Amino acid sequence: MNQYKKVAFYTLGCKLNFSESSTISRNFEEEGYAKVDFNDTPDIFVINTCSVTENADKKCRSVVRRALKINPNAFITMIGCYAQLKPTEISEIPGVDLVLGANEKFNILNHIDELEKKETPIVSATKIKETKDFVPSFSMGDRTRSFLKVQDGCDYFCTFCTIPLARGKSRNASISETIEEAKEIANSNFKEVVLTGVNIGDFGQGSDENFLELIRALDNIEGIERFRISSIEPNLLSNEIIEFVAKSNRFVPHFHIPLQSGSNTLLKAMRRKYLRELYQERVKKIKSLMPHACIGVDVIVGFPGETEEEFLKTVNFIKELEVSYLHVFTYSERANTTAKKMEGIVPVSVRRERSKKLQILSEKMKRKFYEEQLGTKSTVLFEADQQNGFMHGFSENYLKVKVPFNPTLINQTVAVEFIDINMDTTVNVNLLENIVVV
């Protein structure tokens, strides 16, 4: 048994990484390890890496340096997307003892033995084509919501993206197996589940099941009050899915739909599977059935070939859409991608300038969306955080709400009325239920 050994996790990147880190940490605990915070002098650090974020190598080095300051003798393991893409590069970071690729990360306990620092790091990263298993995961680090992994990998090869090389082909468990995972979450007192994956709309590919059937089945699970769909490709967000969410019991009116560019020329160059016209149709469909729905948008600025004219097409297109906020990504070159070889490179200074413009537009759109909700009613799930005497929660349609801290509200879904907006773009509310103030 390893009851005296302590392990800490540091997760870079997306909700999918977070759900996998959480599952791996539970595997450690089942084997007698104590999961501790990063600063609590762990014997083992597990760093779950990301290949999407800019300067992945720099971030990995920085986290390893921090870990070694906390415990110079700690056993340091690197897992995740960047560990799959660049295993040799990561193994050369001073202090790293073990590097595990996509196929090996869930077997991490088989690789850890005496926990002594290695003179030469062990690297175990098989070719991504050999990564075919789907390992279910869900997070338990947040008291109010859990991220449930329903799909992994991607068969799309967008010209800017390394994810298929880091995570392999699209795959998933069956609906019945996924329902069992969700029921386990339901028994753990979580009120909200966020469905996550690499390309979740692709669920069921190669079988007779699909994403619509999955969410229909999940909608019947007792014990979970809300399901939230994370990012879903516009070409896979069918009218049937939108119609189902509009009348469902538990799925909330919140969609995150990657756009990447409002220029059809650039969408084709990116090898996206839709044009702007389809994107516009999806947004209109959502808003026609759920006028109060929140719609988030991913946009890439500075992609090769993005002239000022093409950039303005994106800006003007977004202004025409009834969307609520943007996630703006500044394009950066990635090894082993088609885009890296493309002509029409946009200077980095121009990329940053365009990114700022879209971030300002995002703030305006978010405020407008919040203003449109004033005077309306919804429910808010309150979180445990406390800042300066206040606590926060999110409405069904993803408005961030701020109220004076009250421990009886933690992990409770409460009916509210939106009354006004604060300078920090949070909403003040009237609680429409009798809550005991303690």
Protein backbone atom coordinates (compact mmCIF):
# COMPACT_ATOMS: atom_id res chain seq x y z
CA MET A 1 0.00 0.00 0.00
CA ASN A 2 1.06 3.60 -0.62
CA GLN A 3 -0.97 5.36 2.03
CA TYR A 4 2.03 7.48 2.97
CA LYS A 5 2.76 8.59 -0.59
CA LYS A 6 1.29 11.89 -1.74
CA VAL A 7 0.34 12.76 -5.34
CA ALA A 8 -0.62 16.13 -6.84
CA PHE A 9 -2.03 16.99 -10.26
CA TYR A 10 -1.57 20.03 -12.46
CA THR A 11 -3.83 20.23 -15.51
CA LEU A 12 -3.20 22.45 -18.50
CA GLY A 13 -5.81 22.97 -21.21
CA CYS A 14 -9.41 21.91 -21.60
CA LYS A 15 -12.29 20.44 -19.62
CA LEU A 16 -11.56 17.08 -21.19
CA ASN A 17 -8.07 17.10 -19.65
CA PHE A 18 -9.64 18.10 -16.34
CA SER A 19 -12.06 15.14 -16.42
CA GLU A 20 -9.21 12.74 -17.24
CA SER A 21 -6.95 14.12 -14.49
CA SER A 22 -9.78 13.65 -12.03
CA THR A 23 -10.30 10.02 -13.07
CA ILE A 24 -6.58 9.24 -12.90
CA SER A 25 -6.37 10.85 -9.44
CA ARG A 26 -9.16 8.56 -8.20
CA ASN A 27 -7.16 5.59 -9.51
CA PHE A 28 -4.25 6.73 -7.34
CA GLU A 29 -6.50 7.11 -4.30
CA GLU A 30 -7.90 3.61 -4.80
CA GLU A 31 -4.32 2.32 -4.62
CA GLY A 32 -3.71 4.06 -1.29
CA TYR A 33 -2.08 7.30 -2.43
CA ALA A 34 -3.17 10.56 -0.82
CA LYS A 35 -4.20 13.25 -3.29
CA VAL A 36 -2.90 16.63 -2.12
CA ASP A 37 -2.60 20.18 -3.41
CA PHE A 38 0.32 21.15 -5.63
CA ASN A 39 2.04 23.04 -2.80
CA ASP A 40 1.70 20.28 -0.17
CA THR A 41 5.11 18.66 -0.88
CA PRO A 42 3.86 15.71 -2.95
CA ASP A 43 6.01 12.66 -3.63
CA ILE A 44 4.61 12.51 -7.18
CA PHE A 45 3.56 15.29 -9.53
CA VAL A 46 1.37 14.37 -12.50
CA ILE A 47 1.28 17.16 -15.08
CA ASN A 48 -1.43 16.81 -17.72
CA THR A 49 -0.23 18.76 -20.76
CA CYS A 50 -1.98 20.56 -23.60
CA SER A 51 -0.93 21.11 -27.21
CA VAL A 52 -3.54 23.75 -28.08
CA THR A 53 -2.32 26.52 -25.81
CA GLU A 54 0.46 28.73 -27.09
CA ASN A 55 4.00 28.11 -25.82
CA ALA A 56 3.17 24.59 -24.60
CA ASP A 57 6.85 23.80 -24.04
CA LYS A 58 7.40 26.95 -21.95
CA LYS A 59 4.37 26.22 -19.78
CA CYS A 60 5.50 22.63 -19.17
CA ARG A 61 8.99 23.77 -18.16
CA SER A 62 7.55 26.40 -15.83
CA VAL A 63 5.28 23.88 -14.03
CA VAL A 64 8.15 21.38 -13.66
CA ARG A 65 10.40 24.10 -12.18
CA ARG A 66 7.67 25.01 -9.68
CA ALA A 67 7.23 21.35 -8.73
CA LEU A 68 10.97 20.86 -8.12
CA LYS A 69 11.09 23.97 -5.91
CA ILE A 70 8.35 22.45 -3.76
CA ASN A 71 10.01 19.03 -3.61
CA PRO A 72 13.37 18.55 -5.39
CA ASN A 73 13.07 14.76 -4.91
CA ALA A 74 9.55 14.45 -6.33
CA PHE A 75 8.84 11.95 -9.11
CA ILE A 76 7.54 13.98 -12.07
CA THR A 77 5.27 12.41 -14.69
CA MET A 78 4.10 14.18 -17.85
CA ILE A 79 0.92 12.97 -19.58
CA GLY A 80 -1.57 14.39 -22.08
CA CYS A 81 -1.62 15.82 -25.58
CA TYR A 82 1.79 17.50 -25.62
CA ALA A 83 3.36 14.39 -24.11
CA GLN A 84 1.97 12.41 -27.05
CA LEU A 85 3.03 14.93 -29.70
CA LYS A 86 6.50 15.74 -28.35
CA PRO A 87 7.56 12.94 -25.96
CA THR A 88 11.30 13.33 -26.57
CA GLU A 89 11.18 17.10 -26.19
CA ILE A 90 9.27 16.79 -22.91
CA SER A 91 11.63 14.09 -21.59
CA GLU A 92 14.51 16.56 -22.00
CA ILE A 93 12.97 19.01 -19.52
CA PRO A 94 15.26 18.85 -16.43
CA GLY A 95 13.57 16.93 -13.62
CA VAL A 96 11.09 14.89 -15.67
CA ASP A 97 11.12 11.16 -14.79
CA LEU A 98 8.28 9.66 -16.84
CA VAL A 99 6.48 10.64 -20.06
CA LEU A 100 3.29 8.81 -21.02
CA GLY A 101 1.41 9.18 -24.30
CA ALA A 102 -2.30 8.93 -25.05
CA ASN A 103 -2.42 5.14 -24.88
CA GLU A 104 -0.45 4.85 -21.64
CA LYS A 105 -1.70 7.65 -19.37
CA PHE A 106 -4.56 5.64 -17.87
CA ASN A 107 -2.07 2.88 -16.96
CA ILE A 108 0.16 5.31 -15.10
CA LEU A 109 0.18 3.21 -11.92
CA ASN A 110 1.76 0.32 -13.82
CA HIS A 111 4.69 2.60 -14.72
CA ILE A 112 5.34 3.96 -11.24
CA ASP A 113 7.37 1.68 -9.00
CA GLU A 114 10.02 2.79 -6.55
CA LEU A 115 9.47 6.51 -7.25
CA GLU A 116 13.15 7.31 -7.27
CA LYS A 117 14.38 10.11 -9.50
CA LYS A 118 15.63 8.77 -12.84
CA GLU A 119 18.94 9.59 -14.46
CA THR A 120 17.24 8.98 -17.79
CA PRO A 121 13.49 9.60 -18.08
CA ILE A 122 11.26 6.71 -19.11
CA VAL A 123 9.26 7.52 -22.26
CA SER A 124 6.25 5.42 -23.23
CA ALA A 125 4.31 6.92 -26.14
CA THR A 126 3.13 4.57 -28.87
CA LYS A 127 2.05 5.77 -32.30
CA ILE A 128 -1.28 7.55 -32.17
CA LYS A 129 -2.73 5.15 -34.77
CA GLU A 130 -2.50 2.45 -32.11
CA THR A 131 -4.65 4.47 -29.68
CA LYS A 132 -8.09 2.98 -30.15
CA ASP A 133 -9.52 2.42 -26.67
CA PHE A 134 -12.02 4.79 -25.12
CA VAL A 135 -11.52 5.32 -21.39
CA PRO A 136 -14.55 6.91 -19.66
CA SER A 137 -13.78 9.81 -17.33
CA PHE A 138 -15.54 12.38 -15.23
CA SER A 139 -14.37 15.08 -12.86
CA MET A 140 -15.15 15.31 -9.17
CA GLY A 141 -13.09 18.35 -8.23
CA ASP A 142 -15.97 20.82 -8.25
CA ARG A 143 -18.80 20.54 -5.76
CA THR A 144 -21.50 21.78 -8.13
CA ARG A 145 -20.66 20.44 -11.59
CA SER A 146 -18.93 17.48 -13.15
CA PHE A 147 -17.32 17.24 -16.59
CA LEU A 148 -18.34 13.96 -18.21
CA LYS A 149 -16.19 12.73 -21.10
CA VAL A 150 -18.52 11.23 -23.69
CA GLN A 151 -16.17 11.12 -26.69
CA ASP A 152 -12.45 11.28 -27.50
CA GLY A 153 -10.32 11.85 -30.60
CA CYS A 154 -11.20 13.50 -33.91
CA ASP A 155 -11.40 12.40 -37.54
CA TYR A 156 -11.38 15.98 -38.82
CA PHE A 157 -8.04 17.31 -39.97
CA CYS A 158 -8.46 21.08 -39.80
CA THR A 159 -5.29 22.64 -41.18
CA PHE A 160 -4.44 24.49 -37.93
CA CYS A 161 -5.03 21.64 -35.46
CA THR A 162 -2.83 18.94 -33.90
CA ILE A 163 -5.55 17.25 -31.83
CA PRO A 164 -6.04 14.22 -34.16
CA LEU A 165 -2.28 13.61 -33.84
CA ALA A 166 -2.46 13.95 -30.06
CA ARG A 167 -5.67 12.02 -29.34
CA GLY A 168 -6.25 9.71 -32.28
CA LYS A 169 -9.44 8.73 -34.06
CA SER A 170 -12.95 9.58 -32.90
CA ARG A 171 -14.28 7.02 -30.45
CA ASN A 172 -16.69 6.66 -27.55
CA ALA A 173 -18.39 4.20 -25.21
CA SER A 174 -21.92 3.00 -25.91
CA ILE A 175 -24.93 5.00 -24.74
CA SER A 176 -25.68 2.41 -22.05
CA GLU A 177 -22.10 2.61 -20.70
CA THR A 178 -22.21 6.42 -20.75
CA ILE A 179 -25.50 6.37 -18.84
CA GLU A 180 -23.86 4.25 -16.13
CA GLU A 181 -21.11 6.87 -15.75
CA ALA A 182 -23.74 9.62 -15.51
CA LYS A 183 -25.63 7.66 -12.85
CA GLU A 184 -22.44 7.42 -10.80
CA ILE A 185 -22.18 11.21 -10.99
CA ALA A 186 -25.86 11.51 -9.99
CA ASN A 187 -25.09 9.54 -6.82
CA SER A 188 -22.32 12.00 -5.91
CA ASN A 189 -24.53 15.04 -5.25
CA PHE A 190 -23.58 16.97 -8.39
CA LYS A 191 -26.36 19.17 -9.74
CA GLU A 192 -24.88 19.86 -13.17
CA VAL A 193 -23.02 17.76 -15.72
CA VAL A 194 -21.08 19.27 -18.64
CA LEU A 195 -20.73 16.89 -21.60
CA THR A 196 -17.21 17.12 -22.94
CA GLY A 197 -14.98 15.54 -25.58
CA VAL A 198 -12.89 16.50 -28.59
CA ASN A 199 -15.72 16.41 -31.13
CA ILE A 200 -18.81 15.41 -29.13
CA GLY A 201 -21.28 15.81 -31.99
CA ASP A 202 -19.45 12.91 -33.66
CA PHE A 203 -20.60 10.56 -30.88
CA GLY A 204 -21.56 7.13 -32.20
CA GLN A 205 -19.66 7.30 -35.45
CA GLY A 206 -19.30 3.82 -36.91
CA SER A 207 -22.24 2.47 -34.86
CA ASP A 208 -26.01 2.79 -35.05
CA GLU A 209 -26.01 5.28 -32.13
CA ASN A 210 -25.67 9.07 -32.33
CA PHE A 211 -25.41 12.18 -30.19
CA LEU A 212 -29.13 12.96 -30.33
CA GLU A 213 -29.93 9.50 -28.94
CA LEU A 214 -27.32 10.01 -26.22
CA ILE A 215 -28.79 13.28 -24.95
CA ARG A 216 -32.32 11.86 -25.10
CA ALA A 217 -31.18 9.04 -22.81
CA LEU A 218 -29.29 11.38 -20.45
CA ASP A 219 -32.35 13.63 -20.16
CA ASN A 220 -34.15 10.88 -18.24
CA ILE A 221 -31.52 10.45 -15.51
CA GLU A 222 -32.86 11.31 -12.08
CA GLY A 223 -30.58 13.12 -9.64
CA ILE A 224 -28.93 15.48 -12.14
CA GLU A 225 -30.74 18.78 -12.52
CA ARG A 226 -28.84 20.15 -15.50
CA PHE A 227 -26.89 18.95 -18.49
CA ARG A 228 -24.78 21.44 -20.43
CA ILE A 229 -23.36 20.69 -23.88
CA SER A 230 -19.80 21.90 -24.32
CA SER A 231 -18.37 22.88 -27.70
CA ILE A 232 -20.15 21.25 -30.68
CA GLU A 233 -19.35 21.66 -34.38
CA PRO A 234 -22.02 23.60 -36.35
CA ASN A 235 -22.28 20.89 -39.01
CA LEU A 236 -23.02 18.32 -36.28
CA LEU A 237 -25.45 20.53 -34.34
CA SER A 238 -28.54 19.36 -36.20
CA ASN A 239 -31.95 21.02 -36.09
CA GLU A 240 -33.19 17.91 -34.27
CA ILE A 241 -30.64 18.44 -31.49
CA ILE A 242 -31.63 22.09 -31.15
CA GLU A 243 -35.34 21.20 -31.11
CA PHE A 244 -34.73 18.54 -28.46
CA VAL A 245 -32.79 20.89 -26.15
CA ALA A 246 -35.58 23.48 -26.49
CA LYS A 247 -38.15 21.10 -25.01
CA SER A 248 -35.92 18.88 -22.84
CA ASN A 249 -36.24 18.42 -19.07
CA ARG A 250 -32.60 18.92 -18.13
CA PHE A 251 -30.57 20.33 -21.03
CA VAL A 252 -29.93 24.04 -20.58
CA PRO A 253 -30.20 26.74 -23.29
CA HIS A 254 -26.48 27.25 -23.72
CA PHE A 255 -24.48 26.35 -26.83
CA HIS A 256 -20.81 26.82 -27.64
CA ILE A 257 -20.32 26.62 -31.40
CA PRO A 258 -16.89 27.07 -33.04
CA LEU A 259 -16.96 29.51 -35.96
CA GLN A 260 -13.21 30.19 -36.40
CA SER A 261 -13.79 32.65 -39.27
CA GLY A 262 -16.62 34.57 -40.88
CA SER A 263 -14.86 34.32 -44.27
CA ASN A 264 -15.80 31.36 -46.45
CA THR A 265 -12.40 31.64 -48.14
CA LEU A 266 -10.65 31.10 -44.82
CA LEU A 267 -13.09 28.40 -43.67
CA LYS A 268 -12.17 26.42 -46.79
CA ALA A 269 -8.46 27.04 -46.18
CA MET A 270 -8.92 25.84 -42.59
CA ARG A 271 -10.64 22.73 -43.97
CA ARG A 272 -13.72 23.32 -41.84
CA LYS A 273 -16.82 21.29 -42.71
CA TYR A 274 -19.30 24.15 -43.09
CA LEU A 275 -19.64 27.64 -44.52
CA ARG A 276 -20.83 30.81 -42.79
CA GLU A 277 -24.34 30.40 -44.19
CA LEU A 278 -24.86 27.14 -42.28
CA TYR A 279 -23.49 28.72 -39.11
CA GLN A 280 -25.96 31.58 -39.43
CA GLU A 281 -28.82 29.11 -39.91
CA ARG A 282 -27.90 27.27 -36.70
CA VAL A 283 -27.83 30.48 -34.65
CA LYS A 284 -31.20 31.60 -36.09
CA LYS A 285 -32.73 28.20 -35.32
CA ILE A 286 -31.55 28.33 -31.69
CA LYS A 287 -32.80 31.87 -31.17
CA SER A 288 -36.17 31.17 -32.82
CA LEU A 289 -36.86 28.38 -30.31
CA MET A 290 -34.92 29.74 -27.30
CA PRO A 291 -34.65 33.56 -27.51
CA HIS A 292 -32.96 33.58 -24.08
CA ALA A 293 -30.28 31.04 -25.12
CA CYS A 294 -26.62 31.87 -24.60
CA ILE A 295 -24.37 31.19 -27.60
CA GLY A 296 -20.60 31.23 -27.30
CA VAL A 297 -18.33 31.37 -30.34
CA ASP A 298 -14.71 30.30 -30.97
CA VAL A 299 -12.80 32.54 -33.40
CA ILE A 300 -9.22 32.32 -34.70
CA VAL A 301 -7.48 35.54 -35.74
CA GLY A 302 -4.34 35.81 -37.84
CA PHE A 303 -4.71 32.57 -39.80
CA PRO A 304 -2.51 32.54 -42.93
CA GLY A 305 -4.22 34.48 -45.72
CA GLU A 306 -6.31 36.59 -43.33
CA THR A 307 -6.05 39.98 -45.02
CA GLU A 308 -7.64 43.05 -43.44
CA GLU A 309 -10.61 42.50 -45.76
CA GLU A 310 -11.06 38.87 -44.64
CA PHE A 311 -10.73 39.89 -40.99
CA LEU A 312 -13.44 42.53 -41.43
CA LYS A 313 -15.69 39.87 -42.96
CA THR A 314 -15.38 37.98 -39.67
CA VAL A 315 -16.05 41.10 -37.57
CA ASN A 316 -19.09 42.12 -39.59
CA PHE A 317 -20.46 38.58 -39.73
CA ILE A 318 -20.24 38.20 -35.94
CA LYS A 319 -21.98 41.56 -35.48
CA GLU A 320 -24.90 40.22 -37.55
CA LEU A 321 -25.27 37.14 -35.35
CA GLU A 322 -27.29 36.99 -32.14
CA VAL A 323 -24.44 35.50 -30.13
CA SER A 324 -23.44 36.18 -26.53
CA TYR A 325 -19.65 36.04 -26.21
CA LEU A 326 -16.46 35.06 -28.07
CA HIS A 327 -13.47 32.90 -27.21
CA VAL A 328 -10.72 34.51 -29.27
CA PHE A 329 -7.66 32.45 -30.22
CA THR A 330 -4.61 34.10 -31.75
CA TYR A 331 -3.29 31.79 -34.47
CA SER A 332 0.12 30.30 -33.73
CA GLU A 333 2.10 27.94 -35.92
CA ARG A 334 2.02 24.27 -34.97
CA ALA A 335 4.45 21.63 -36.19
CA ASN A 336 2.94 18.89 -38.37
CA THR A 337 0.00 21.03 -39.51
CA THR A 338 -0.84 22.02 -43.08
CA ALA A 339 -1.36 25.66 -42.09
CA LYS A 340 2.31 26.00 -41.12
CA LYS A 341 3.26 25.63 -44.78
CA MET A 342 0.68 28.11 -46.07
CA GLU A 343 1.49 31.49 -47.58
CA GLY A 344 0.09 34.81 -46.44
CA ILE A 345 1.59 34.79 -42.94
CA VAL A 346 0.06 37.51 -40.76
CA PRO A 347 2.59 39.44 -38.65
CA VAL A 348 2.33 38.59 -34.95
CA SER A 349 1.72 42.26 -34.05
CA VAL A 350 -1.27 42.34 -36.41
CA ARG A 351 -2.62 39.09 -34.94
CA ARG A 352 -2.48 40.59 -31.45
CA GLU A 353 -4.16 43.81 -32.59
CA ARG A 354 -7.00 41.86 -34.23
CA SER A 355 -7.37 39.69 -31.15
CA LYS A 356 -7.83 42.79 -28.98
CA LYS A 357 -10.50 44.14 -31.34
CA LEU A 358 -12.49 40.91 -31.10
CA GLN A 359 -12.10 40.76 -27.33
CA ILE A 360 -13.56 44.26 -27.08
CA LEU A 361 -16.42 43.18 -29.37
CA SER A 362 -16.97 40.13 -27.15
CA GLU A 363 -17.32 42.29 -24.03
CA LYS A 364 -19.90 44.47 -25.79
CA MET A 365 -21.87 41.45 -26.96
CA LYS A 366 -21.80 39.86 -23.53
CA ARG A 367 -23.07 43.03 -21.88
CA LYS A 368 -25.83 43.39 -24.48
CA PHE A 369 -26.91 39.78 -23.88
CA TYR A 370 -26.94 40.36 -20.11
CA GLU A 371 -28.98 43.56 -20.52
CA GLU A 372 -31.55 41.68 -22.60
CA GLN A 373 -32.08 39.26 -19.70
CA LEU A 374 -32.82 41.94 -17.08
CA GLY A 375 -36.33 41.55 -15.70
CA THR A 376 -36.49 37.88 -16.70
CA LYS A 377 -36.46 34.85 -14.38
CA SER A 378 -34.26 31.78 -14.34
CA THR A 379 -32.59 29.38 -11.92
CA VAL A 380 -29.03 29.74 -10.64
CA LEU A 381 -26.73 27.00 -9.34
CA PHE A 382 -24.52 28.57 -6.66
CA GLU A 383 -20.88 27.62 -6.15
CA ALA A 384 -18.73 27.42 -3.03
CA ASP A 385 -16.33 30.22 -3.92
CA GLN A 386 -16.19 33.27 -1.66
CA GLN A 387 -14.61 36.57 -2.72
CA ASN A 388 -14.87 39.73 -0.65
CA GLY A 389 -18.02 38.53 1.05
CA PHE A 390 -19.75 37.49 -2.19
CA MET A 391 -20.42 34.19 -3.93
CA HIS A 392 -21.20 33.33 -7.55
CA GLY A 393 -23.37 31.02 -9.57
CA PHE A 394 -24.49 30.47 -13.14
CA SER A 395 -27.97 30.60 -14.57
CA GLU A 396 -29.26 28.01 -17.01
CA ASN A 397 -28.33 30.36 -19.86
CA TYR A 398 -24.89 31.01 -18.39
CA LEU A 399 -25.25 34.43 -16.81
CA LYS A 400 -22.78 34.84 -13.96
CA VAL A 401 -24.66 35.89 -10.84
CA LYS A 402 -23.25 37.54 -7.71
CA VAL A 403 -24.91 37.55 -4.27
CA PRO A 404 -23.74 38.11 -0.66
CA PHE A 405 -22.11 34.92 0.62
CA ASN A 406 -24.56 32.51 2.25
CA PRO A 407 -23.35 28.93 2.89
CA THR A 408 -26.89 27.55 2.65
CA LEU A 409 -26.90 28.50 -1.06
CA ILE A 410 -23.86 26.34 -1.94
CA ASN A 411 -24.75 23.66 -4.49
CA GLN A 412 -28.38 24.80 -4.50
CA THR A 413 -30.46 25.65 -7.57
CA VAL A 414 -32.50 28.73 -6.76
CA ALA A 415 -35.15 30.61 -8.74
CA VAL A 416 -34.08 34.22 -9.35
CA GLU A 417 -34.99 37.39 -11.19
CA PHE A 418 -32.19 39.33 -12.91
CA ILE A 419 -32.26 42.95 -11.74
CA ASP A 420 -29.07 44.79 -12.74
CA ILE A 421 -25.49 44.39 -13.97
CA ASN A 422 -22.30 45.14 -12.03
CA MET A 423 -19.14 46.73 -13.42
CA ASP A 424 -17.47 43.29 -13.48
CA THR A 425 -20.23 41.93 -15.74
CA THR A 426 -21.95 39.88 -13.08
CA VAL A 427 -25.67 40.11 -12.44
CA ASN A 428 -27.48 41.06 -9.25
CA VAL A 429 -30.65 39.09 -8.60
CA ASN A 430 -33.71 38.86 -6.44
CA LEU A 431 -33.98 35.40 -4.89
CA LEU A 432 -37.51 34.15 -5.56
CA GLU A 433 -37.33 31.40 -2.91
CA ASN A 434 -37.17 31.70 0.85
CA ILE A 435 -33.55 31.08 1.77
CA VAL A 436 -32.37 30.97 5.38
CA VAL A 437 -29.56 33.48 5.88
CA VAL A 438 -26.92 32.18 8.30
